[in-house]
């Protein structure tokens, strides 16, 4: 069985490949990358992993890459709706043309029903896969702990933790856990046409900051503001206008429960307890 992982040069994709080599022969893994001459690609080849060009915007590269492949992991890409949808169509059409037997897609929490700002493009992309008739698995990843590292670094340099998310909770998850769980899906059986919610602990911003403080020994203050004040602060900090709007909308979505996880399938797919936020922070901040 041949398994191709798109985005293998990226952080999630490389986590998946690292876990796959523990479960299947390297000769059964294909690393899909945009630059087959990169150092990452050469490192894969040194492990006995085949490297193939996969450019979501060039369907012909996908058709060539998917030949002889049984299962394909599709990494989610750009947030621009129109581009993302066309890329997904290219990928699914290439999979149909080459006889791929399973598509595994990294989606967003409750993408089929959520009003969260990032859910809509994922919902469309999920539907393209579902309508293809190809057996699929949707791995709906919650918010990475790693997403907060930039903010944490600023706070360690005496900035407050600014939020307009109120008491909204986020099910922060450690990215290597997602890579391991997804590798288990790709290498295993019994997952066809299922959607898995992959989430960690549900924590408020204050609880997350408390965990950071405990790990670092700092006393980072939490500054809770409304959306308008948050946007003003971001602009004054030099954040580009288009990012200000998105960041404030994400915080609003969190406030309204968009990243709160009623349940998680992560422990089931891992076969163990997921890494806690505190343990993840210890690893990431050491």
C-alpha atoms as a PDB file:
ATOM      1  CA  UNK A   1       0.000   0.000   0.000  1.00  0.00           C
ATOM      2  CA  UNK A   2       1.421   3.354  -1.065  1.00  0.00           C
ATOM      3  CA  UNK A   3       0.724   6.429   1.070  1.00  0.00           C
ATOM      4  CA  UNK A   4       1.422   9.948  -0.207  1.00  0.00           C
ATOM      5  CA  UNK A   5       1.601  12.876   2.202  1.00  0.00           C
ATOM      6  CA  UNK A   6       1.196  16.303   0.613  1.00  0.00           C
ATOM      7  CA  UNK A   7       2.874  19.188   2.403  1.00  0.00           C
ATOM      8  CA  UNK A   8       5.628  16.854   3.602  1.00  0.00           C
ATOM      9  CA  UNK A   9       8.091  19.737   3.867  1.00  0.00           C
ATOM     10  CA  UNK A  10       5.764  21.544   6.275  1.00  0.00           C
ATOM     11  CA  UNK A  11       5.479  21.066  10.004  1.00  0.00           C
ATOM     12  CA  UNK A  12       2.316  18.952  10.150  1.00  0.00           C
ATOM     13  CA  UNK A  13       3.243  16.970   7.045  1.00  0.00           C
ATOM     14  CA  UNK A  14       6.704  16.177   8.356  1.00  0.00           C
ATOM     15  CA  UNK A  15       5.188  15.110  11.700  1.00  0.00           C
ATOM     16  CA  UNK A  16       2.970  12.692   9.791  1.00  0.00           C
ATOM     17  CA  UNK A  17       5.862  11.253   7.770  1.00  0.00           C
ATOM     18  CA  UNK A  18       8.003  10.885  10.914  1.00  0.00           C
ATOM     19  CA  UNK A  19       5.254   8.781  12.463  1.00  0.00           C
ATOM     20  CA  UNK A  20       4.471   6.803   9.324  1.00  0.00           C
ATOM     21  CA  UNK A  21       8.033   5.475   9.082  1.00  0.00           C
ATOM     22  CA  UNK A  22       7.448   3.820  12.470  1.00  0.00           C
ATOM     23  CA  UNK A  23       4.395   1.995  11.131  1.00  0.00           C
ATOM     24  CA  UNK A  24       5.033   1.083   7.481  1.00  0.00           C
ATOM     25  CA  UNK A  25       8.145   0.502   5.345  1.00  0.00           C
ATOM     26  CA  UNK A  26       9.771   3.697   4.068  1.00  0.00           C
ATOM     27  CA  UNK A  27       9.329   2.302   0.551  1.00  0.00           C
ATOM     28  CA  UNK A  28       5.540   2.563   1.019  1.00  0.00           C
ATOM     29  CA  UNK A  29       5.695   6.293   1.823  1.00  0.00           C
ATOM     30  CA  UNK A  30       5.802   9.095  -0.736  1.00  0.00           C
ATOM     31  CA  UNK A  31       6.607  12.632   0.368  1.00  0.00           C
ATOM     32  CA  UNK A  32       4.699  15.201  -1.680  1.00  0.00           C
ATOM     33  CA  UNK A  33       6.573  18.510  -1.798  1.00  0.00           C
ATOM     34  CA  UNK A  34       6.584  21.702  -3.853  1.00  0.00           C
ATOM     35  CA  UNK A  35      10.381  21.659  -4.212  1.00  0.00           C
ATOM     36  CA  UNK A  36      11.877  18.191  -4.780  1.00  0.00           C
ATOM     37  CA  UNK A  37      15.379  19.731  -4.664  1.00  0.00           C
ATOM     38  CA  UNK A  38      14.970  21.107  -1.131  1.00  0.00           C
ATOM     39  CA  UNK A  39      17.073  19.926   1.789  1.00  0.00           C
ATOM     40  CA  UNK A  40      13.962  18.379   3.339  1.00  0.00           C
ATOM     41  CA  UNK A  41      13.296  16.392   0.176  1.00  0.00           C
ATOM     42  CA  UNK A  42      16.886  15.158   0.073  1.00  0.00           C
ATOM     43  CA  UNK A  43      16.620  14.103   3.713  1.00  0.00           C
ATOM     44  CA  UNK A  44      13.539  12.035   2.880  1.00  0.00           C
ATOM     45  CA  UNK A  45      15.321  10.356  -0.012  1.00  0.00           C
ATOM     46  CA  UNK A  46      18.206   9.485   2.305  1.00  0.00           C
ATOM     47  CA  UNK A  47      15.656   7.623   4.454  1.00  0.00           C
ATOM     48  CA  UNK A  48      14.453   5.629   1.461  1.00  0.00           C
ATOM     49  CA  UNK A  49      11.287   7.702   1.062  1.00  0.00           C
ATOM     50  CA  UNK A  50      10.322   8.585  -2.498  1.00  0.00           C
ATOM     51  CA  UNK A  51       9.786  12.286  -3.189  1.00  0.00           C
ATOM     52  CA  UNK A  52       7.287  13.592  -5.746  1.00  0.00           C
ATOM     53  CA  UNK A  53       6.333  17.089  -6.853  1.00  0.00           C
ATOM     54  CA  UNK A  54       2.851  18.113  -5.668  1.00  0.00           C
ATOM     55  CA  UNK A  55       1.693  21.605  -6.562  1.00  0.00           C
ATOM     56  CA  UNK A  56      -1.989  22.100  -5.751  1.00  0.00           C
ATOM     57  CA  UNK A  57      -2.245  24.828  -8.380  1.00  0.00           C
ATOM     58  CA  UNK A  58      -0.932  22.555 -11.142  1.00  0.00           C
ATOM     59  CA  UNK A  59      -3.225  19.570 -11.516  1.00  0.00           C
ATOM     60  CA  UNK A  60      -0.822  17.830 -13.883  1.00  0.00           C
ATOM     61  CA  UNK A  61       1.750  17.502 -11.087  1.00  0.00           C
ATOM     62  CA  UNK A  62      -0.877  15.883  -8.870  1.00  0.00           C
ATOM     63  CA  UNK A  63      -1.943  13.418 -11.558  1.00  0.00           C
ATOM     64  CA  UNK A  64       1.677  12.374 -12.005  1.00  0.00           C
ATOM     65  CA  UNK A  65       2.327  12.228  -8.255  1.00  0.00           C
ATOM     66  CA  UNK A  66      -0.771  10.158  -7.449  1.00  0.00           C
ATOM     67  CA  UNK A  67      -0.025   7.354  -9.935  1.00  0.00           C
ATOM     68  CA  UNK A  68       0.147   4.043  -8.102  1.00  0.00           C
ATOM     69  CA  UNK A  69      -0.876   5.654  -4.809  1.00  0.00           C
ATOM     70  CA  UNK A  70      -3.551   4.137  -2.560  1.00  0.00           C
ATOM     71  CA  UNK A  71      -3.992   6.777   0.134  1.00  0.00           C
ATOM     72  CA  UNK A  72      -3.380  10.528  -0.002  1.00  0.00           C
ATOM     73  CA  UNK A  73      -3.158  12.978   2.865  1.00  0.00           C
ATOM     74  CA  UNK A  74      -4.320  16.441   1.766  1.00  0.00           C
ATOM     75  CA  UNK A  75      -2.879  19.219   3.881  1.00  0.00           C
ATOM     76  CA  UNK A  76      -5.038  22.334   4.174  1.00  0.00           C
ATOM     77  CA  UNK A  77      -3.434  25.358   2.574  1.00  0.00           C
ATOM     78  CA  UNK A  78      -4.141  29.013   1.850  1.00  0.00           C
ATOM     79  CA  UNK A  79      -7.026  30.763   3.649  1.00  0.00           C
ATOM     80  CA  UNK A  80      -8.127  32.568   0.462  1.00  0.00           C
ATOM     81  CA  UNK A  81     -11.453  30.902  -0.336  1.00  0.00           C
ATOM     82  CA  UNK A  82     -11.333  30.911  -4.149  1.00  0.00           C
ATOM     83  CA  UNK A  83      -7.760  29.636  -4.304  1.00  0.00           C
ATOM     84  CA  UNK A  84      -8.370  26.961  -1.676  1.00  0.00           C
ATOM     85  CA  UNK A  85     -11.447  25.642  -3.476  1.00  0.00           C
ATOM     86  CA  UNK A  86      -9.684  25.412  -6.837  1.00  0.00           C
ATOM     87  CA  UNK A  87      -6.726  23.663  -5.231  1.00  0.00           C
ATOM     88  CA  UNK A  88      -9.074  21.147  -3.628  1.00  0.00           C
ATOM     89  CA  UNK A  89     -10.830  20.507  -6.930  1.00  0.00           C
ATOM     90  CA  UNK A  90      -7.479  19.922  -8.616  1.00  0.00           C
ATOM     91  CA  UNK A  91      -6.468  17.473  -5.907  1.00  0.00           C
ATOM     92  CA  UNK A  92      -9.709  15.501  -5.867  1.00  0.00           C
ATOM     93  CA  UNK A  93      -9.941  15.340  -9.662  1.00  0.00           C
ATOM     94  CA  UNK A  94      -6.371  14.047  -9.828  1.00  0.00           C
ATOM     95  CA  UNK A  95      -7.198  11.438  -7.185  1.00  0.00           C
ATOM     96  CA  UNK A  96     -10.226  10.253  -9.174  1.00  0.00           C
ATOM     97  CA  UNK A  97      -8.264  10.057 -12.411  1.00  0.00           C
ATOM     98  CA  UNK A  98      -5.524   7.962 -10.829  1.00  0.00           C
ATOM     99  CA  UNK A  99      -7.685   5.612  -8.755  1.00  0.00           C
ATOM    100  CA  UNK A 100      -6.705   6.765  -5.272  1.00  0.00           C
ATOM    101  CA  UNK A 101      -8.692   4.670  -2.769  1.00  0.00           C
ATOM    102  CA  UNK A 102      -8.716   7.025   0.240  1.00  0.00           C
ATOM    103  CA  UNK A 103      -8.355  10.751   0.895  1.00  0.00           C
ATOM    104  CA  UNK A 104      -7.454  12.052   4.356  1.00  0.00           C
ATOM    105  CA  UNK A 105      -7.966  15.795   4.807  1.00  0.00           C
ATOM    106  CA  UNK A 106      -6.841  18.096   7.628  1.00  0.00           C
ATOM    107  CA  UNK A 107      -9.908  20.209   8.350  1.00  0.00           C
ATOM    108  CA  UNK A 108     -11.179  22.551  11.068  1.00  0.00           C
ATOM    109  CA  UNK A 109     -13.244  21.907  14.216  1.00  0.00           C
ATOM    110  CA  UNK A 110     -16.873  20.992  13.449  1.00  0.00           C
ATOM    111  CA  UNK A 111     -16.368  22.367   9.941  1.00  0.00           C
ATOM    112  CA  UNK A 112     -19.705  20.961   8.772  1.00  0.00           C
ATOM    113  CA  UNK A 113     -21.776  23.016  11.224  1.00  0.00           C
ATOM    114  CA  UNK A 114     -19.563  25.721  12.757  1.00  0.00           C
ATOM    115  CA  UNK A 115     -19.951  29.467  12.231  1.00  0.00           C
ATOM    116  CA  UNK A 116     -16.293  29.991  13.170  1.00  0.00           C
ATOM    117  CA  UNK A 117     -14.556  32.270  10.670  1.00  0.00           C
ATOM    118  CA  UNK A 118     -12.119  29.578   9.513  1.00  0.00           C
ATOM    119  CA  UNK A 119     -14.737  26.835   9.139  1.00  0.00           C
ATOM    120  CA  UNK A 120     -16.436  27.905   5.888  1.00  0.00           C
ATOM    121  CA  UNK A 121     -13.538  27.211   3.482  1.00  0.00           C
ATOM    122  CA  UNK A 122     -12.946  23.860   5.165  1.00  0.00           C
ATOM    123  CA  UNK A 123     -16.642  22.996   4.876  1.00  0.00           C
ATOM    124  CA  UNK A 124     -16.498  23.638   1.133  1.00  0.00           C
ATOM    125  CA  UNK A 125     -13.360  21.554   0.801  1.00  0.00           C
ATOM    126  CA  UNK A 126     -14.884  18.714   2.804  1.00  0.00           C
ATOM    127  CA  UNK A 127     -17.922  18.755   0.515  1.00  0.00           C
ATOM    128  CA  UNK A 128     -15.752  18.516  -2.598  1.00  0.00           C
ATOM    129  CA  UNK A 129     -14.190  15.377  -1.147  1.00  0.00           C
ATOM    130  CA  UNK A 130     -17.527  13.883  -0.064  1.00  0.00           C
ATOM    131  CA  UNK A 131     -19.089  14.493  -3.470  1.00  0.00           C
ATOM    132  CA  UNK A 132     -16.192  12.769  -5.257  1.00  0.00           C
ATOM    133  CA  UNK A 133     -17.268   9.305  -4.175  1.00  0.00           C
ATOM    134  CA  UNK A 134     -13.740   8.503  -2.987  1.00  0.00           C
ATOM    135  CA  UNK A 135     -13.635   7.060   0.548  1.00  0.00           C
ATOM    136  CA  UNK A 136     -12.422   9.780   2.886  1.00  0.00           C
ATOM    137  CA  UNK A 137     -11.365  10.575   6.439  1.00  0.00           C
ATOM    138  CA  UNK A 138     -11.689  14.084   7.853  1.00  0.00           C
ATOM    139  CA  UNK A 139      -9.276  14.942  10.659  1.00  0.00           C
ATOM    140  CA  UNK A 140     -10.574  18.182  12.134  1.00  0.00           C
ATOM    141  CA  UNK A 141      -7.651  19.722  13.953  1.00  0.00           C
ATOM    142  CA  UNK A 142      -8.169  22.242  16.717  1.00  0.00           C
ATOM    143  CA  UNK A 143      -5.844  25.175  17.497  1.00  0.00           C
ATOM    144  CA  UNK A 144      -2.144  24.324  17.766  1.00  0.00           C
ATOM    145  CA  UNK A 145      -0.309  25.209  20.971  1.00  0.00           C
ATOM    146  CA  UNK A 146       2.491  26.163  18.556  1.00  0.00           C
ATOM    147  CA  UNK A 147       0.327  28.977  17.152  1.00  0.00           C
ATOM    148  CA  UNK A 148       0.882  30.883  20.392  1.00  0.00           C
ATOM    149  CA  UNK A 149       4.689  30.804  20.459  1.00  0.00           C
ATOM    150  CA  UNK A 150       5.094  34.267  18.920  1.00  0.00           C
ATOM    151  CA  UNK A 151       2.722  35.804  21.439  1.00  0.00           C
ATOM    152  CA  UNK A 152       4.384  33.945  24.291  1.00  0.00           C
ATOM    153  CA  UNK A 153       7.780  35.303  23.259  1.00  0.00           C
ATOM    154  CA  UNK A 154       6.426  38.861  23.251  1.00  0.00           C
ATOM    155  CA  UNK A 155       4.938  38.307  26.692  1.00  0.00           C
ATOM    156  CA  UNK A 156       8.229  36.955  28.020  1.00  0.00           C
ATOM    157  CA  UNK A 157       9.655  40.327  26.965  1.00  0.00           C
ATOM    158  CA  UNK A 158       7.198  42.075  29.311  1.00  0.00           C
ATOM    159  CA  UNK A 159       4.166  42.518  27.028  1.00  0.00           C
ATOM    160  CA  UNK A 160       0.724  41.612  28.416  1.00  0.00           C
ATOM    161  CA  UNK A 161      -1.343  38.786  26.941  1.00  0.00           C
ATOM    162  CA  UNK A 162      -4.036  40.729  25.087  1.00  0.00           C
ATOM    163  CA  UNK A 163      -7.295  39.021  24.195  1.00  0.00           C
ATOM    164  CA  UNK A 164     -10.816  39.886  23.118  1.00  0.00           C
ATOM    165  CA  UNK A 165     -11.933  36.251  23.429  1.00  0.00           C
ATOM    166  CA  UNK A 166     -13.529  36.803  26.830  1.00  0.00           C
ATOM    167  CA  UNK A 167     -14.271  33.522  28.614  1.00  0.00           C
ATOM    168  CA  UNK A 168     -14.325  31.546  25.368  1.00  0.00           C
ATOM    169  CA  UNK A 169     -12.362  28.310  25.477  1.00  0.00           C
ATOM    170  CA  UNK A 170      -9.876  26.840  23.026  1.00  0.00           C
ATOM    171  CA  UNK A 171      -9.073  23.122  22.844  1.00  0.00           C
ATOM    172  CA  UNK A 172      -5.346  23.730  22.323  1.00  0.00           C
ATOM    173  CA  UNK A 173      -3.583  20.694  20.876  1.00  0.00           C
ATOM    174  CA  UNK A 174       0.085  19.755  20.441  1.00  0.00           C
ATOM    175  CA  UNK A 175       0.879  19.455  16.720  1.00  0.00           C
ATOM    176  CA  UNK A 176       3.020  16.278  16.977  1.00  0.00           C
ATOM    177  CA  UNK A 177      -0.020  14.542  18.515  1.00  0.00           C
ATOM    178  CA  UNK A 178      -1.993  15.450  15.394  1.00  0.00           C
ATOM    179  CA  UNK A 179       0.792  14.094  13.191  1.00  0.00           C
ATOM    180  CA  UNK A 180       0.816  10.823  15.102  1.00  0.00           C
ATOM    181  CA  UNK A 181      -2.975  10.469  15.049  1.00  0.00           C
ATOM    182  CA  UNK A 182      -3.132  11.195  11.317  1.00  0.00           C
ATOM    183  CA  UNK A 183      -0.364   8.680  10.618  1.00  0.00           C
ATOM    184  CA  UNK A 184      -2.370   6.088  12.554  1.00  0.00           C
ATOM    185  CA  UNK A 185      -5.358   6.808  10.307  1.00  0.00           C
ATOM    186  CA  UNK A 186      -3.299   6.603   7.111  1.00  0.00           C
ATOM    187  CA  UNK A 187      -1.646   3.337   8.125  1.00  0.00           C
ATOM    188  CA  UNK A 188      -4.742   1.770   9.657  1.00  0.00           C
ATOM    189  CA  UNK A 189      -8.136   0.455   8.591  1.00  0.00           C
ATOM    190  CA  UNK A 190     -11.751   1.046   9.560  1.00  0.00           C
ATOM    191  CA  UNK A 191     -11.722   4.820   9.145  1.00  0.00           C
ATOM    192  CA  UNK A 192     -13.464   5.302   5.789  1.00  0.00           C
ATOM    193  CA  UNK A 193     -16.047   8.089   5.598  1.00  0.00           C
ATOM    194  CA  UNK A 194     -15.508   9.197   9.179  1.00  0.00           C
ATOM    195  CA  UNK A 195     -14.851  12.635  10.641  1.00  0.00           C
ATOM    196  CA  UNK A 196     -12.658  12.895  13.713  1.00  0.00           C
ATOM    197  CA  UNK A 197     -12.525  15.902  16.034  1.00  0.00           C
ATOM    198  CA  UNK A 198      -8.925  16.191  17.220  1.00  0.00           C
ATOM    199  CA  UNK A 199      -8.691  18.480  20.219  1.00  0.00           C
ATOM    200  CA  UNK A 200      -6.823  18.940  23.467  1.00  0.00           C
ATOM    201  CA  UNK A 201      -7.792  20.573  26.745  1.00  0.00           C
ATOM    202  CA  UNK A 202     -10.559  23.188  26.748  1.00  0.00           C
ATOM    203  CA  UNK A 203      -8.960  26.228  28.387  1.00  0.00           C
ATOM    204  CA  UNK A 204      -9.805  29.906  28.686  1.00  0.00           C
ATOM    205  CA  UNK A 205      -7.173  32.493  27.825  1.00  0.00           C
ATOM    206  CA  UNK A 206      -6.526  32.959  31.549  1.00  0.00           C
ATOM    207  CA  UNK A 207      -6.014  29.229  32.062  1.00  0.00           C
ATOM    208  CA  UNK A 208      -3.613  29.090  29.122  1.00  0.00           C
ATOM    209  CA  UNK A 209      -1.646  32.066  30.450  1.00  0.00           C
ATOM    210  CA  UNK A 210      -1.575  30.410  33.881  1.00  0.00           C
ATOM    211  CA  UNK A 211       0.013  27.348  32.249  1.00  0.00           C
ATOM    212  CA  UNK A 212       2.602  29.544  30.513  1.00  0.00           C
ATOM    213  CA  UNK A 213       3.370  31.273  33.809  1.00  0.00           C
ATOM    214  CA  UNK A 214       3.780  27.962  35.609  1.00  0.00           C
ATOM    215  CA  UNK A 215       6.159  26.605  32.968  1.00  0.00           C
ATOM    216  CA  UNK A 216       8.234  29.785  32.592  1.00  0.00           C
ATOM    217  CA  UNK A 217       8.147  31.097  36.144  1.00  0.00           C
ATOM    218  CA  UNK A 218       6.886  34.442  34.822  1.00  0.00           C
ATOM    219  CA  UNK A 219       3.817  36.457  35.806  1.00  0.00           C
ATOM    220  CA  UNK A 220       2.366  37.446  32.446  1.00  0.00           C
ATOM    221  CA  UNK A 221      -0.654  39.728  32.944  1.00  0.00           C
ATOM    222  CA  UNK A 222      -3.868  39.081  31.010  1.00  0.00           C
ATOM    223  CA  UNK A 223      -5.438  42.145  29.397  1.00  0.00           C
ATOM    224  CA  UNK A 224      -9.047  41.535  28.346  1.00  0.00           C
ATOM    225  CA  UNK A 225     -10.423  44.075  25.858  1.00  0.00           C
ATOM    226  CA  UNK A 226     -13.340  44.329  23.444  1.00  0.00           C
ATOM    227  CA  UNK A 227     -12.990  43.769  19.698  1.00  0.00           C
ATOM    228  CA  UNK A 228     -12.755  47.469  18.859  1.00  0.00           C
ATOM    229  CA  UNK A 229      -9.982  48.115  21.364  1.00  0.00           C
ATOM    230  CA  UNK A 230      -8.169  44.972  20.252  1.00  0.00           C
ATOM    231  CA  UNK A 231      -8.220  46.066  16.608  1.00  0.00           C
ATOM    232  CA  UNK A 232      -6.894  49.497  17.597  1.00  0.00           C
ATOM    233  CA  UNK A 233      -4.038  47.970  19.585  1.00  0.00           C
ATOM    234  CA  UNK A 234      -3.082  45.643  16.734  1.00  0.00           C
ATOM    235  CA  UNK A 235      -3.028  48.509  14.233  1.00  0.00           C
ATOM    236  CA  UNK A 236      -0.900  50.613  16.563  1.00  0.00           C
ATOM    237  CA  UNK A 237       1.497  47.672  16.826  1.00  0.00           C
ATOM    238  CA  UNK A 238       1.944  47.741  13.044  1.00  0.00           C
ATOM    239  CA  UNK A 239      -0.107  44.672  12.150  1.00  0.00           C
ATOM    240  CA  UNK A 240      -1.360  44.940   8.513  1.00  0.00           C
ATOM    241  CA  UNK A 241      -5.044  45.820   8.152  1.00  0.00           C
ATOM    242  CA  UNK A 242      -6.069  42.505   6.541  1.00  0.00           C
ATOM    243  CA  UNK A 243      -4.497  40.555   9.406  1.00  0.00           C
ATOM    244  CA  UNK A 244      -6.053  42.803  12.044  1.00  0.00           C
ATOM    245  CA  UNK A 245      -9.525  41.962  10.773  1.00  0.00           C
ATOM    246  CA  UNK A 246      -8.808  38.223  10.681  1.00  0.00           C
ATOM    247  CA  UNK A 247      -7.221  38.152  14.136  1.00  0.00           C
ATOM    248  CA  UNK A 248     -10.130  40.019  15.705  1.00  0.00           C
ATOM    249  CA  UNK A 249     -12.635  37.736  13.954  1.00  0.00           C
ATOM    250  CA  UNK A 250     -10.796  34.679  15.271  1.00  0.00           C
ATOM    251  CA  UNK A 251     -10.963  36.092  18.798  1.00  0.00           C
ATOM    252  CA  UNK A 252     -14.674  36.787  18.335  1.00  0.00           C
ATOM    253  CA  UNK A 253     -15.144  33.217  17.144  1.00  0.00           C
ATOM    254  CA  UNK A 254     -13.365  31.906  20.222  1.00  0.00           C
ATOM    255  CA  UNK A 255     -15.555  34.109  22.423  1.00  0.00           C
ATOM    256  CA  UNK A 256     -18.608  32.540  20.782  1.00  0.00           C
ATOM    257  CA  UNK A 257     -17.380  28.959  21.292  1.00  0.00           C
ATOM    258  CA  UNK A 258     -15.885  28.256  17.867  1.00  0.00           C
ATOM    259  CA  UNK A 259     -12.825  26.428  19.219  1.00  0.00           C
ATOM    260  CA  UNK A 260     -14.434  24.881  22.286  1.00  0.00           C
ATOM    261  CA  UNK A 261     -14.458  21.096  21.809  1.00  0.00           C
ATOM    262  CA  UNK A 262     -17.505  19.239  23.184  1.00  0.00           C
ATOM    263  CA  UNK A 263     -15.609  15.990  22.587  1.00  0.00           C
ATOM    264  CA  UNK A 264     -12.374  14.757  21.062  1.00  0.00           C
ATOM    265  CA  UNK A 265     -11.363  11.609  19.180  1.00  0.00           C
ATOM    266  CA  UNK A 266      -7.663  12.281  19.677  1.00  0.00           C
ATOM    267  CA  UNK A 267      -7.106   9.898  22.590  1.00  0.00           C
ATOM    268  CA  UNK A 268      -8.847   7.098  20.692  1.00  0.00           C
ATOM    269  CA  UNK A 269      -6.674   7.579  17.602  1.00  0.00           C
ATOM    270  CA  UNK A 270      -3.474   7.910  19.632  1.00  0.00           C
ATOM    271  CA  UNK A 271      -4.202   4.983  21.915  1.00  0.00           C
ATOM    272  CA  UNK A 272      -2.942   7.132  24.803  1.00  0.00           C
ATOM    273  CA  UNK A 273      -3.652  10.373  26.604  1.00  0.00           C
ATOM    274  CA  UNK A 274      -2.867  13.417  24.442  1.00  0.00           C
ATOM    275  CA  UNK A 275      -0.004  15.682  25.486  1.00  0.00           C
ATOM    276  CA  UNK A 276      -1.284  18.267  27.955  1.00  0.00           C
ATOM    277  CA  UNK A 277      -0.889  21.976  27.265  1.00  0.00           C
ATOM    278  CA  UNK A 278       1.566  22.246  30.146  1.00  0.00           C
ATOM    279  CA  UNK A 279       3.702  19.364  28.854  1.00  0.00           C
ATOM    280  CA  UNK A 280       3.603  20.782  25.321  1.00  0.00           C
ATOM    281  CA  UNK A 281       4.757  24.160  26.613  1.00  0.00           C
ATOM    282  CA  UNK A 282       7.626  22.540  28.521  1.00  0.00           C
ATOM    283  CA  UNK A 283       8.830  20.918  25.303  1.00  0.00           C
ATOM    284  CA  UNK A 284       8.333  23.989  23.126  1.00  0.00           C
ATOM    285  CA  UNK A 285       9.830  26.528  25.525  1.00  0.00           C
ATOM    286  CA  UNK A 286      12.835  24.600  26.777  1.00  0.00           C
END
